[in-house]
Amino acid sequence: NMDAEYWLITALLYGCGLRINEALSLRVKDIDLKSRSLLVFNGKGRKDRYTLIPGNLRENMERQFAHVRAVHESDLADGFGLTSVPASLHKKYGPAMKDFGWQYLFPSVTRCVHPIAGYVCRHHLHHSSYSRRLRQAVLATGITKRVTAHTFRHAFATELLRSGSDIRTVQEILGHSDIRTTEIYTHVIGDRRAGTVSPFDRLPSS
């Protein structure tokens, strides 16, 4: 069900603070439901980082795994089953690219020919199809503000800071190399000391 898939992508953007390309590039092996952690491989700035998976997404994730498995098994039955990887990795891992763990969490609807290595593979959903679906959903709700995939990441960061999370922790989860990028979010909520309450405010009111 494509709707469920797009819903889950959105839930990961907002629930884990991912960039859209990070969410779409997730592979089965990057996700550990037991420890509720998710590896963002080679994020912006070529850095790997871990982020948390919301516990209440477990069932949705398991359903998505089942979908990926069904797509993959049908590819294998047709004599295919390779996932797309950078050409250097293809040379290095070769046949392992058929393993279930290497498959994308959000596989493309069709197979394609790898632009560099020339083999038939299955890539992930394209971000333009997500943007298009999001635009339709926003129009349907009558929201007049501009909403993009990045809006959910912004909301994730803002909520963490608003609820008193340490700015360094937020920086780490978002994968910002510079704390100044994270500090922009504290301006969004209008208070650089978000989550810090004066001891005077904790006094019982007379």
N, C-alpha and C. Protein backbone atom coordinates (compact mmCIF):
# COMPACT_ATOMS: atom_id res chain seq x y z
N ASN A 1 0.85 -1.19 0.00
CA ASN A 1 0.00 0.00 0.00
C ASN A 1 0.88 1.25 0.00
N MET A 2 0.84 2.00 -1.12
CA MET A 2 1.71 3.17 -1.26
C MET A 2 1.42 4.23 -0.20
N ASP A 3 0.15 4.37 0.18
CA ASP A 3 -0.19 5.37 1.19
C ASP A 3 0.53 5.08 2.50
N ALA A 4 0.52 3.80 2.89
CA ALA A 4 1.18 3.39 4.13
C ALA A 4 2.68 3.67 4.05
N GLU A 5 3.22 3.48 2.85
CA GLU A 5 4.66 3.69 2.65
C GLU A 5 5.01 5.18 2.79
N TYR A 6 4.22 6.03 2.15
CA TYR A 6 4.47 7.48 2.25
C TYR A 6 4.24 7.97 3.68
N TRP A 7 3.26 7.39 4.34
CA TRP A 7 3.00 7.76 5.74
C TRP A 7 4.22 7.42 6.59
N LEU A 8 4.80 6.23 6.35
CA LEU A 8 5.95 5.79 7.15
C LEU A 8 7.18 6.67 6.88
N ILE A 9 7.37 7.05 5.62
CA ILE A 9 8.49 7.96 5.32
C ILE A 9 8.33 9.25 6.14
N THR A 10 7.12 9.79 6.14
CA THR A 10 6.84 11.03 6.88
C THR A 10 7.06 10.82 8.38
N ALA A 11 6.62 9.68 8.88
CA ALA A 11 6.79 9.37 10.30
C ALA A 11 8.27 9.30 10.67
N LEU A 12 9.11 8.80 9.76
CA LEU A 12 10.55 8.73 10.04
C LEU A 12 11.21 10.11 9.96
N LEU A 13 10.72 10.96 9.06
CA LEU A 13 11.26 12.32 8.97
C LEU A 13 10.99 13.06 10.28
N TYR A 14 9.75 12.93 10.77
CA TYR A 14 9.36 13.65 11.99
C TYR A 14 9.81 12.91 13.25
N GLY A 15 9.78 11.58 13.22
CA GLY A 15 10.09 10.80 14.42
C GLY A 15 11.58 10.61 14.66
N CYS A 16 12.39 10.72 13.59
CA CYS A 16 13.84 10.48 13.72
C CYS A 16 14.67 11.69 13.28
N GLY A 17 14.02 12.72 12.74
CA GLY A 17 14.75 13.91 12.31
C GLY A 17 15.61 13.68 11.07
N LEU A 18 15.14 12.80 10.17
CA LEU A 18 15.94 12.49 8.98
C LEU A 18 15.74 13.52 7.87
N ARG A 19 16.75 13.64 7.03
CA ARG A 19 16.58 14.36 5.76
C ARG A 19 15.89 13.39 4.81
N ILE A 20 15.19 13.91 3.80
CA ILE A 20 14.42 13.03 2.91
C ILE A 20 15.33 12.00 2.21
N ASN A 21 16.51 12.44 1.74
CA ASN A 21 17.38 11.48 1.04
C ASN A 21 17.92 10.41 2.00
N GLU A 22 18.04 10.77 3.29
CA GLU A 22 18.49 9.78 4.30
C GLU A 22 17.41 8.73 4.53
N ALA A 23 16.15 9.18 4.58
CA ALA A 23 15.04 8.24 4.80
C ALA A 23 14.91 7.29 3.61
N LEU A 24 15.01 7.85 2.40
CA LEU A 24 14.83 7.02 1.21
C LEU A 24 16.01 6.07 0.98
N SER A 25 17.18 6.43 1.48
CA SER A 25 18.37 5.59 1.28
C SER A 25 18.52 4.50 2.33
N LEU A 26 17.60 4.44 3.29
CA LEU A 26 17.72 3.43 4.35
C LEU A 26 17.65 2.03 3.74
N ARG A 27 18.51 1.15 4.26
CA ARG A 27 18.47 -0.25 3.85
C ARG A 27 18.02 -1.09 5.04
N VAL A 28 17.52 -2.27 4.76
CA VAL A 28 17.01 -3.14 5.83
C VAL A 28 18.06 -3.32 6.93
N LYS A 29 19.32 -3.50 6.54
CA LYS A 29 20.38 -3.78 7.53
C LYS A 29 20.71 -2.58 8.42
N ASP A 30 20.24 -1.39 8.03
CA ASP A 30 20.54 -0.18 8.83
C ASP A 30 19.58 -0.03 10.01
N ILE A 31 18.60 -0.93 10.09
CA ILE A 31 17.53 -0.75 11.07
C ILE A 31 17.56 -1.89 12.09
N ASP A 32 17.58 -1.52 13.35
CA ASP A 32 17.59 -2.52 14.42
C ASP A 32 16.37 -2.26 15.31
N LEU A 33 15.32 -3.03 15.10
CA LEU A 33 14.09 -2.79 15.85
C LEU A 33 14.23 -3.19 17.31
N LYS A 34 15.13 -4.16 17.59
CA LYS A 34 15.31 -4.58 19.00
C LYS A 34 15.83 -3.43 19.84
N SER A 35 16.91 -2.81 19.36
CA SER A 35 17.48 -1.70 20.14
C SER A 35 16.87 -0.36 19.72
N ARG A 36 15.86 -0.43 18.81
CA ARG A 36 15.17 0.78 18.34
C ARG A 36 16.14 1.84 17.84
N SER A 37 17.17 1.38 17.09
CA SER A 37 18.10 2.36 16.54
C SER A 37 18.20 2.20 15.03
N LEU A 38 18.62 3.28 14.42
CA LEU A 38 18.64 3.35 12.97
C LEU A 38 19.96 4.00 12.58
N LEU A 39 20.67 3.39 11.65
CA LEU A 39 21.95 3.93 11.21
C LEU A 39 21.73 4.77 9.97
N VAL A 40 22.14 6.03 10.04
CA VAL A 40 22.12 6.88 8.85
C VAL A 40 23.52 6.78 8.27
N PHE A 41 23.64 6.04 7.18
CA PHE A 41 24.95 5.76 6.59
C PHE A 41 25.32 6.89 5.65
N ASN A 42 26.53 7.43 5.84
CA ASN A 42 27.00 8.42 4.89
C ASN A 42 26.06 9.61 4.74
N GLY A 43 25.60 10.13 5.86
CA GLY A 43 24.72 11.31 5.81
C GLY A 43 25.47 12.49 5.22
N LYS A 44 24.88 13.66 5.32
CA LYS A 44 25.51 14.88 4.78
C LYS A 44 26.89 15.03 5.44
N GLY A 45 27.87 15.44 4.68
CA GLY A 45 29.22 15.58 5.24
C GLY A 45 29.89 14.23 5.38
N ARG A 46 29.34 13.20 4.71
CA ARG A 46 29.94 11.86 4.69
C ARG A 46 30.10 11.23 6.07
N LYS A 47 29.18 11.57 6.97
CA LYS A 47 29.29 11.03 8.33
C LYS A 47 28.18 10.00 8.57
N ASP A 48 28.51 8.94 9.30
CA ASP A 48 27.49 7.99 9.74
C ASP A 48 27.02 8.44 11.12
N ARG A 49 25.75 8.22 11.40
CA ARG A 49 25.26 8.54 12.75
C ARG A 49 24.10 7.62 13.07
N TYR A 50 23.83 7.49 14.36
CA TYR A 50 22.67 6.70 14.79
C TYR A 50 21.59 7.64 15.27
N THR A 51 20.36 7.23 15.04
CA THR A 51 19.25 7.98 15.62
C THR A 51 18.24 6.97 16.17
N LEU A 52 17.28 7.45 16.94
CA LEU A 52 16.34 6.57 17.62
C LEU A 52 15.12 6.32 16.75
N ILE A 53 14.55 5.10 16.83
CA ILE A 53 13.29 4.82 16.13
C ILE A 53 12.18 4.87 17.17
N PRO A 54 11.13 5.67 16.94
CA PRO A 54 10.02 5.70 17.89
C PRO A 54 9.44 4.30 18.08
N GLY A 55 9.22 3.92 19.34
CA GLY A 55 8.71 2.59 19.65
C GLY A 55 7.37 2.29 18.99
N ASN A 56 6.55 3.32 18.84
CA ASN A 56 5.21 3.07 18.29
C ASN A 56 5.21 2.92 16.76
N LEU A 57 6.41 2.90 16.15
CA LEU A 57 6.48 2.65 14.71
C LEU A 57 6.84 1.20 14.41
N ARG A 58 7.00 0.40 15.46
CA ARG A 58 7.47 -0.97 15.28
C ARG A 58 6.62 -1.77 14.28
N GLU A 59 5.31 -1.76 14.49
CA GLU A 59 4.43 -2.55 13.62
C GLU A 59 4.50 -2.07 12.17
N ASN A 60 4.54 -0.76 11.99
CA ASN A 60 4.62 -0.20 10.64
C ASN A 60 5.93 -0.62 9.96
N MET A 61 7.01 -0.61 10.75
CA MET A 61 8.32 -1.01 10.21
C MET A 61 8.28 -2.49 9.82
N GLU A 62 7.66 -3.31 10.67
CA GLU A 62 7.60 -4.75 10.37
C GLU A 62 6.79 -5.00 9.10
N ARG A 63 5.70 -4.25 8.94
CA ARG A 63 4.89 -4.38 7.72
C ARG A 63 5.71 -3.98 6.49
N GLN A 64 6.52 -2.93 6.65
CA GLN A 64 7.34 -2.47 5.53
C GLN A 64 8.41 -3.51 5.18
N PHE A 65 9.00 -4.13 6.22
CA PHE A 65 9.97 -5.22 5.98
C PHE A 65 9.31 -6.33 5.15
N ALA A 66 8.07 -6.68 5.51
CA ALA A 66 7.35 -7.74 4.80
C ALA A 66 7.14 -7.35 3.33
N HIS A 67 6.83 -6.07 3.11
CA HIS A 67 6.65 -5.57 1.75
C HIS A 67 7.96 -5.69 0.96
N VAL A 68 9.07 -5.26 1.59
CA VAL A 68 10.38 -5.32 0.93
C VAL A 68 10.71 -6.77 0.59
N ARG A 69 10.41 -7.68 1.52
CA ARG A 69 10.72 -9.09 1.31
C ARG A 69 9.93 -9.64 0.11
N ALA A 70 8.67 -9.27 0.02
CA ALA A 70 7.82 -9.74 -1.09
C ALA A 70 8.35 -9.23 -2.44
N VAL A 71 8.72 -7.95 -2.48
CA VAL A 71 9.26 -7.35 -3.71
C VAL A 71 10.56 -8.06 -4.09
N HIS A 72 11.40 -8.27 -3.07
CA HIS A 72 12.72 -8.86 -3.30
C HIS A 72 12.61 -10.31 -3.78
N GLU A 73 11.69 -11.06 -3.15
CA GLU A 73 11.54 -12.46 -3.54
C GLU A 73 11.02 -12.58 -4.96
N SER A 74 10.15 -11.66 -5.35
CA SER A 74 9.65 -11.69 -6.73
C SER A 74 10.77 -11.31 -7.71
N ASP A 75 11.65 -10.38 -7.31
CA ASP A 75 12.82 -10.03 -8.15
C ASP A 75 13.74 -11.24 -8.33
N LEU A 76 14.01 -11.94 -7.21
CA LEU A 76 14.88 -13.12 -7.26
C LEU A 76 14.27 -14.19 -8.17
N ALA A 77 12.96 -14.38 -8.05
CA ALA A 77 12.27 -15.40 -8.86
C ALA A 77 12.37 -15.06 -10.35
N ASP A 78 12.46 -13.76 -10.66
CA ASP A 78 12.58 -13.33 -12.06
C ASP A 78 14.04 -13.31 -12.53
N GLY A 79 14.95 -13.74 -11.62
CA GLY A 79 16.37 -13.78 -12.00
C GLY A 79 17.11 -12.48 -11.73
N PHE A 80 16.51 -11.60 -10.93
CA PHE A 80 17.17 -10.34 -10.59
C PHE A 80 17.49 -10.32 -9.08
N GLY A 81 17.22 -9.20 -8.43
CA GLY A 81 17.39 -9.15 -6.97
C GLY A 81 18.56 -8.33 -6.48
N LEU A 82 19.32 -7.74 -7.40
CA LEU A 82 20.42 -6.86 -6.96
C LEU A 82 19.84 -5.51 -6.58
N THR A 83 20.39 -4.95 -5.51
CA THR A 83 20.00 -3.59 -5.14
C THR A 83 20.98 -2.63 -5.80
N SER A 84 20.66 -1.36 -5.88
CA SER A 84 21.61 -0.41 -6.47
C SER A 84 22.55 0.10 -5.38
N VAL A 85 23.83 0.12 -5.69
CA VAL A 85 24.85 0.67 -4.78
C VAL A 85 25.83 1.47 -5.61
N PRO A 86 26.62 2.34 -4.97
CA PRO A 86 27.68 3.03 -5.72
C PRO A 86 28.57 2.00 -6.42
N ALA A 87 29.06 2.33 -7.61
CA ALA A 87 29.83 1.37 -8.42
C ALA A 87 30.99 0.75 -7.66
N SER A 88 31.65 1.53 -6.78
CA SER A 88 32.80 1.01 -6.03
C SER A 88 32.38 -0.13 -5.10
N LEU A 89 31.19 0.01 -4.49
CA LEU A 89 30.68 -1.03 -3.60
C LEU A 89 30.28 -2.28 -4.38
N HIS A 90 29.79 -2.06 -5.58
CA HIS A 90 29.37 -3.20 -6.40
C HIS A 90 30.57 -4.10 -6.68
N LYS A 91 31.71 -3.47 -6.99
CA LYS A 91 32.95 -4.23 -7.23
C LYS A 91 33.35 -4.99 -5.97
N LYS A 92 33.20 -4.32 -4.84
CA LYS A 92 33.68 -4.88 -3.57
C LYS A 92 32.80 -6.02 -3.07
N TYR A 93 31.46 -5.83 -3.15
CA TYR A 93 30.55 -6.79 -2.54
C TYR A 93 29.86 -7.72 -3.52
N GLY A 94 29.73 -7.27 -4.78
CA GLY A 94 29.16 -8.11 -5.83
C GLY A 94 27.88 -8.82 -5.45
N PRO A 95 27.93 -10.18 -5.36
CA PRO A 95 26.71 -10.98 -5.13
C PRO A 95 25.98 -10.66 -3.82
N ALA A 96 26.69 -10.10 -2.83
CA ALA A 96 26.04 -9.75 -1.55
C ALA A 96 24.94 -8.72 -1.76
N MET A 97 24.99 -8.04 -2.90
CA MET A 97 23.97 -7.02 -3.20
C MET A 97 22.58 -7.65 -3.41
N LYS A 98 22.56 -9.00 -3.45
CA LYS A 98 21.27 -9.70 -3.56
C LYS A 98 20.71 -10.04 -2.18
N ASP A 99 21.52 -9.85 -1.13
CA ASP A 99 21.06 -10.19 0.23
C ASP A 99 19.89 -9.29 0.63
N PHE A 100 19.00 -9.85 1.42
CA PHE A 100 17.83 -9.09 1.88
C PHE A 100 18.26 -7.83 2.64
N GLY A 101 19.27 -7.95 3.48
CA GLY A 101 19.73 -6.82 4.30
C GLY A 101 20.14 -5.59 3.51
N TRP A 102 20.61 -5.81 2.27
CA TRP A 102 21.07 -4.70 1.45
C TRP A 102 19.93 -3.99 0.72
N GLN A 103 18.74 -4.59 0.74
CA GLN A 103 17.63 -3.99 -0.01
C GLN A 103 17.17 -2.69 0.66
N TYR A 104 16.68 -1.78 -0.18
CA TYR A 104 16.17 -0.50 0.35
C TYR A 104 14.87 -0.71 1.10
N LEU A 105 14.69 0.06 2.16
CA LEU A 105 13.45 -0.02 2.95
C LEU A 105 12.26 0.48 2.13
N PHE A 106 12.53 1.43 1.22
CA PHE A 106 11.45 1.97 0.37
C PHE A 106 11.81 1.72 -1.10
N PRO A 107 11.60 0.49 -1.57
CA PRO A 107 12.03 0.16 -2.92
C PRO A 107 11.20 0.86 -3.99
N SER A 108 11.86 1.16 -5.09
CA SER A 108 11.18 1.75 -6.24
C SER A 108 10.15 0.75 -6.78
N VAL A 109 9.15 1.27 -7.47
CA VAL A 109 8.09 0.42 -8.00
C VAL A 109 8.61 -0.44 -9.16
N THR A 110 9.63 0.09 -9.86
CA THR A 110 10.16 -0.65 -11.02
C THR A 110 11.66 -0.89 -10.88
N ARG A 111 12.16 -1.86 -11.65
CA ARG A 111 13.61 -2.09 -11.71
C ARG A 111 14.21 -1.14 -12.73
N CYS A 112 15.51 -0.90 -12.65
CA CYS A 112 16.15 -0.02 -13.63
C CYS A 112 17.55 -0.55 -13.93
N VAL A 113 18.21 0.06 -14.89
CA VAL A 113 19.60 -0.32 -15.19
C VAL A 113 20.51 0.66 -14.46
N HIS A 114 21.49 0.12 -13.70
CA HIS A 114 22.41 0.98 -12.95
C HIS A 114 23.14 1.89 -13.93
N PRO A 115 23.09 3.22 -13.71
CA PRO A 115 23.63 4.17 -14.70
C PRO A 115 25.13 4.01 -14.97
N ILE A 116 25.88 3.51 -13.97
CA ILE A 116 27.34 3.41 -14.16
C ILE A 116 27.75 1.95 -14.41
N ALA A 117 27.30 1.07 -13.52
CA ALA A 117 27.76 -0.33 -13.60
C ALA A 117 26.97 -1.16 -14.62
N GLY A 118 25.79 -0.67 -15.04
CA GLY A 118 25.07 -1.32 -16.12
C GLY A 118 24.27 -2.57 -15.79
N TYR A 119 24.17 -2.94 -14.50
CA TYR A 119 23.37 -4.12 -14.15
C TYR A 119 21.93 -3.72 -13.83
N VAL A 120 21.01 -4.68 -13.94
CA VAL A 120 19.61 -4.41 -13.61
C VAL A 120 19.45 -4.48 -12.10
N CYS A 121 18.85 -3.46 -11.52
CA CYS A 121 18.74 -3.42 -10.06
C CYS A 121 17.45 -2.72 -9.66
N ARG A 122 17.21 -2.71 -8.36
CA ARG A 122 16.06 -1.95 -7.85
C ARG A 122 16.58 -0.83 -6.96
N HIS A 123 16.24 0.38 -7.34
CA HIS A 123 16.68 1.56 -6.58
C HIS A 123 15.61 1.85 -5.52
N HIS A 124 15.76 2.97 -4.80
CA HIS A 124 14.71 3.34 -3.83
C HIS A 124 13.73 4.30 -4.49
N LEU A 125 12.62 4.55 -3.82
CA LEU A 125 11.64 5.53 -4.30
C LEU A 125 12.35 6.86 -4.56
N HIS A 126 11.89 7.58 -5.55
CA HIS A 126 12.52 8.86 -5.87
C HIS A 126 11.90 9.98 -5.02
N HIS A 127 12.74 10.92 -4.59
CA HIS A 127 12.22 11.97 -3.70
C HIS A 127 11.14 12.81 -4.37
N SER A 128 11.17 12.89 -5.72
CA SER A 128 10.15 13.70 -6.40
C SER A 128 8.76 13.07 -6.23
N SER A 129 8.70 11.73 -6.17
CA SER A 129 7.37 11.11 -5.99
C SER A 129 6.86 11.36 -4.57
N TYR A 130 7.80 11.44 -3.60
CA TYR A 130 7.39 11.78 -2.23
C TYR A 130 6.90 13.23 -2.19
N SER A 131 7.66 14.13 -2.80
CA SER A 131 7.29 15.57 -2.79
C SER A 131 5.92 15.77 -3.41
N ARG A 132 5.67 15.06 -4.51
CA ARG A 132 4.39 15.19 -5.20
C ARG A 132 3.25 14.74 -4.29
N ARG A 133 3.44 13.59 -3.64
CA ARG A 133 2.40 13.05 -2.76
C ARG A 133 2.18 13.98 -1.55
N LEU A 134 3.25 14.55 -1.04
CA LEU A 134 3.14 15.46 0.11
C LEU A 134 2.37 16.72 -0.30
N ARG A 135 2.68 17.24 -1.49
CA ARG A 135 2.00 18.44 -1.97
C ARG A 135 0.48 18.20 -2.08
N GLN A 136 0.11 17.03 -2.61
CA GLN A 136 -1.32 16.68 -2.73
C GLN A 136 -1.98 16.64 -1.35
N ALA A 137 -1.27 16.02 -0.40
CA ALA A 137 -1.83 15.88 0.96
C ALA A 137 -2.01 17.24 1.61
N VAL A 138 -1.03 18.13 1.44
CA VAL A 138 -1.09 19.46 2.04
C VAL A 138 -2.25 20.26 1.43
N LEU A 139 -2.38 20.17 0.11
CA LEU A 139 -3.50 20.86 -0.57
C LEU A 139 -4.84 20.36 -0.05
N ALA A 140 -4.93 19.05 0.14
CA ALA A 140 -6.19 18.44 0.59
C ALA A 140 -6.58 18.90 2.00
N THR A 141 -5.57 19.23 2.82
CA THR A 141 -5.89 19.66 4.19
C THR A 141 -6.19 21.15 4.26
N GLY A 142 -5.87 21.87 3.18
CA GLY A 142 -6.15 23.30 3.17
C GLY A 142 -5.12 24.13 3.92
N ILE A 143 -3.97 23.52 4.29
CA ILE A 143 -2.91 24.29 4.97
C ILE A 143 -2.31 25.25 3.95
N THR A 144 -2.14 26.50 4.34
CA THR A 144 -1.63 27.48 3.38
C THR A 144 -0.12 27.66 3.50
N LYS A 145 0.47 27.20 4.61
CA LYS A 145 1.92 27.34 4.77
C LYS A 145 2.63 26.37 3.84
N ARG A 146 3.86 26.71 3.47
CA ARG A 146 4.65 25.83 2.61
C ARG A 146 5.16 24.66 3.45
N VAL A 147 4.86 23.46 3.03
CA VAL A 147 5.33 22.27 3.75
C VAL A 147 6.19 21.44 2.81
N THR A 148 7.42 21.14 3.23
CA THR A 148 8.28 20.27 2.43
C THR A 148 8.73 19.13 3.34
N ALA A 149 9.47 18.18 2.76
CA ALA A 149 9.99 17.06 3.55
C ALA A 149 10.82 17.59 4.73
N HIS A 150 11.51 18.71 4.49
CA HIS A 150 12.41 19.26 5.53
C HIS A 150 11.64 19.85 6.71
N THR A 151 10.38 20.20 6.47
CA THR A 151 9.54 20.79 7.53
C THR A 151 9.46 19.83 8.72
N PHE A 152 9.39 18.51 8.43
CA PHE A 152 9.23 17.52 9.50
C PHE A 152 10.51 17.41 10.34
N ARG A 153 11.65 17.53 9.67
CA ARG A 153 12.95 17.51 10.38
C ARG A 153 13.04 18.74 11.29
N HIS A 154 12.63 19.89 10.77
CA HIS A 154 12.61 21.12 11.57
C HIS A 154 11.73 20.94 12.80
N ALA A 155 10.55 20.35 12.59
CA ALA A 155 9.61 20.17 13.70
C ALA A 155 10.19 19.23 14.75
N PHE A 156 10.88 18.18 14.29
CA PHE A 156 11.53 17.23 15.20
C PHE A 156 12.53 17.96 16.10
N ALA A 157 13.40 18.76 15.48
CA ALA A 157 14.44 19.48 16.22
C ALA A 157 13.84 20.48 17.19
N THR A 158 12.85 21.21 16.71
CA THR A 158 12.21 22.23 17.54
C THR A 158 11.54 21.60 18.76
N GLU A 159 10.85 20.47 18.54
CA GLU A 159 10.18 19.80 19.66
C GLU A 159 11.18 19.28 20.69
N LEU A 160 12.30 18.71 20.23
CA LEU A 160 13.32 18.22 21.17
C LEU A 160 13.84 19.34 22.04
N LEU A 161 14.15 20.47 21.41
CA LEU A 161 14.69 21.60 22.17
C LEU A 161 13.63 22.19 23.10
N ARG A 162 12.40 22.24 22.60
CA ARG A 162 11.32 22.80 23.40
C ARG A 162 11.09 21.96 24.66
N SER A 163 11.29 20.65 24.52
CA SER A 163 11.03 19.79 25.68
C SER A 163 12.28 19.65 26.56
N GLY A 164 13.31 20.47 26.28
CA GLY A 164 14.45 20.54 27.18
C GLY A 164 15.62 19.64 26.84
N SER A 165 15.65 19.05 25.64
CA SER A 165 16.81 18.23 25.26
C SER A 165 18.05 19.11 25.13
N ASP A 166 19.19 18.54 25.47
CA ASP A 166 20.45 19.24 25.40
C ASP A 166 20.81 19.53 23.94
N ILE A 167 21.26 20.74 23.66
CA ILE A 167 21.52 21.14 22.27
C ILE A 167 22.58 20.27 21.60
N ARG A 168 23.58 19.81 22.38
CA ARG A 168 24.63 18.93 21.81
C ARG A 168 24.04 17.59 21.37
N THR A 169 23.11 17.08 22.15
CA THR A 169 22.44 15.81 21.80
C THR A 169 21.67 15.99 20.51
N VAL A 170 20.95 17.10 20.42
CA VAL A 170 20.15 17.38 19.22
C VAL A 170 21.08 17.53 18.00
N GLN A 171 22.21 18.19 18.21
CA GLN A 171 23.20 18.35 17.13
C GLN A 171 23.64 16.98 16.60
N GLU A 172 23.91 16.07 17.55
CA GLU A 172 24.38 14.73 17.21
C GLU A 172 23.32 13.93 16.44
N ILE A 173 22.09 13.97 16.94
CA ILE A 173 21.00 13.22 16.31
C ILE A 173 20.73 13.74 14.90
N LEU A 174 20.81 15.06 14.73
CA LEU A 174 20.53 15.65 13.42
C LEU A 174 21.71 15.52 12.46
N GLY A 175 22.91 15.26 13.03
CA GLY A 175 24.09 15.15 12.18
C GLY A 175 24.60 16.49 11.68
N HIS A 176 24.45 17.53 12.50
CA HIS A 176 25.00 18.85 12.13
C HIS A 176 26.48 18.87 12.50
N SER A 177 27.34 19.23 11.56
CA SER A 177 28.76 19.29 11.91
C SER A 177 29.06 20.56 12.72
N ASP A 178 28.22 21.58 12.57
CA ASP A 178 28.45 22.84 13.27
C ASP A 178 27.28 23.14 14.22
N ILE A 179 27.58 23.38 15.47
CA ILE A 179 26.55 23.67 16.49
C ILE A 179 25.72 24.89 16.08
N ARG A 180 26.31 25.79 15.28
CA ARG A 180 25.57 27.00 14.89
C ARG A 180 24.34 26.66 14.04
N THR A 181 24.45 25.56 13.28
CA THR A 181 23.28 25.13 12.49
C THR A 181 22.15 24.72 13.42
N THR A 182 22.50 24.01 14.50
CA THR A 182 21.50 23.56 15.47
C THR A 182 20.93 24.75 16.23
N GLU A 183 21.78 25.74 16.47
CA GLU A 183 21.33 26.91 17.24
C GLU A 183 20.22 27.69 16.53
N ILE A 184 20.16 27.57 15.21
CA ILE A 184 19.10 28.25 14.46
C ILE A 184 17.73 27.83 15.01
N TYR A 185 17.63 26.55 15.43
CA TYR A 185 16.35 26.06 15.94
C TYR A 185 15.97 26.72 17.27
N THR A 186 16.97 27.11 18.04
CA THR A 186 16.64 27.77 19.31
C THR A 186 16.05 29.15 19.03
N HIS A 187 16.45 29.75 17.90
CA HIS A 187 15.84 31.05 17.53
C HIS A 187 14.40 30.84 17.08
N VAL A 188 14.16 29.72 16.42
CA VAL A 188 12.81 29.41 15.95
C VAL A 188 11.84 29.40 17.13
N ILE A 189 12.29 28.83 18.26
CA ILE A 189 11.37 28.77 19.40
C ILE A 189 11.49 30.02 20.28
N GLY A 190 12.30 30.96 19.81
CA GLY A 190 12.30 32.29 20.42
C GLY A 190 12.98 32.37 21.77
N ASP A 191 13.73 31.32 22.12
CA ASP A 191 14.41 31.38 23.42
C ASP A 191 15.63 30.49 23.35
N ARG A 192 16.80 31.10 23.44
CA ARG A 192 18.05 30.34 23.34
C ARG A 192 18.21 29.40 24.54
N ARG A 193 17.49 29.67 25.61
CA ARG A 193 17.64 28.84 26.81
C ARG A 193 16.45 27.89 26.95
N ALA A 194 15.97 27.38 25.82
CA ALA A 194 14.79 26.50 25.83
C ALA A 194 14.96 25.38 26.85
N GLY A 195 13.93 25.14 27.61
CA GLY A 195 13.98 24.03 28.57
C GLY A 195 14.60 24.42 29.90
N THR A 196 15.19 25.61 29.98
CA THR A 196 15.79 26.06 31.24
C THR A 196 14.77 26.94 31.96
N VAL A 197 14.47 26.57 33.18
CA VAL A 197 13.46 27.33 33.94
C VAL A 197 14.16 28.00 35.11
N SER A 198 13.85 29.27 35.33
CA SER A 198 14.43 29.98 36.47
C SER A 198 13.96 29.34 37.77
N PRO A 199 14.87 29.22 38.76
CA PRO A 199 14.45 28.63 40.05
C PRO A 199 13.30 29.42 40.68
N PHE A 200 13.23 30.71 40.34
CA PHE A 200 12.15 31.53 40.90
C PHE A 200 10.79 31.02 40.42
N ASP A 201 10.76 30.56 39.13
CA ASP A 201 9.49 30.05 38.59
C ASP A 201 9.06 28.76 39.24
N ARG A 202 9.98 28.11 39.93
CA ARG A 202 9.64 26.83 40.57
C ARG A 202 9.10 27.02 41.99
N LEU A 203 9.15 28.26 42.47
CA LEU A 203 8.63 28.52 43.81
C LEU A 203 7.11 28.39 43.82
N PRO A 204 6.54 27.86 44.92
CA PRO A 204 5.08 27.80 44.97
C PRO A 204 4.52 29.22 44.92
N SER A 205 3.46 29.41 44.18
CA SER A 205 2.92 30.77 44.09
C SER A 205 2.22 31.11 45.41
N SER A 206 2.40 32.35 45.84
CA SER A 206 1.86 32.73 47.16
C SER A 206 0.38 32.97 47.08
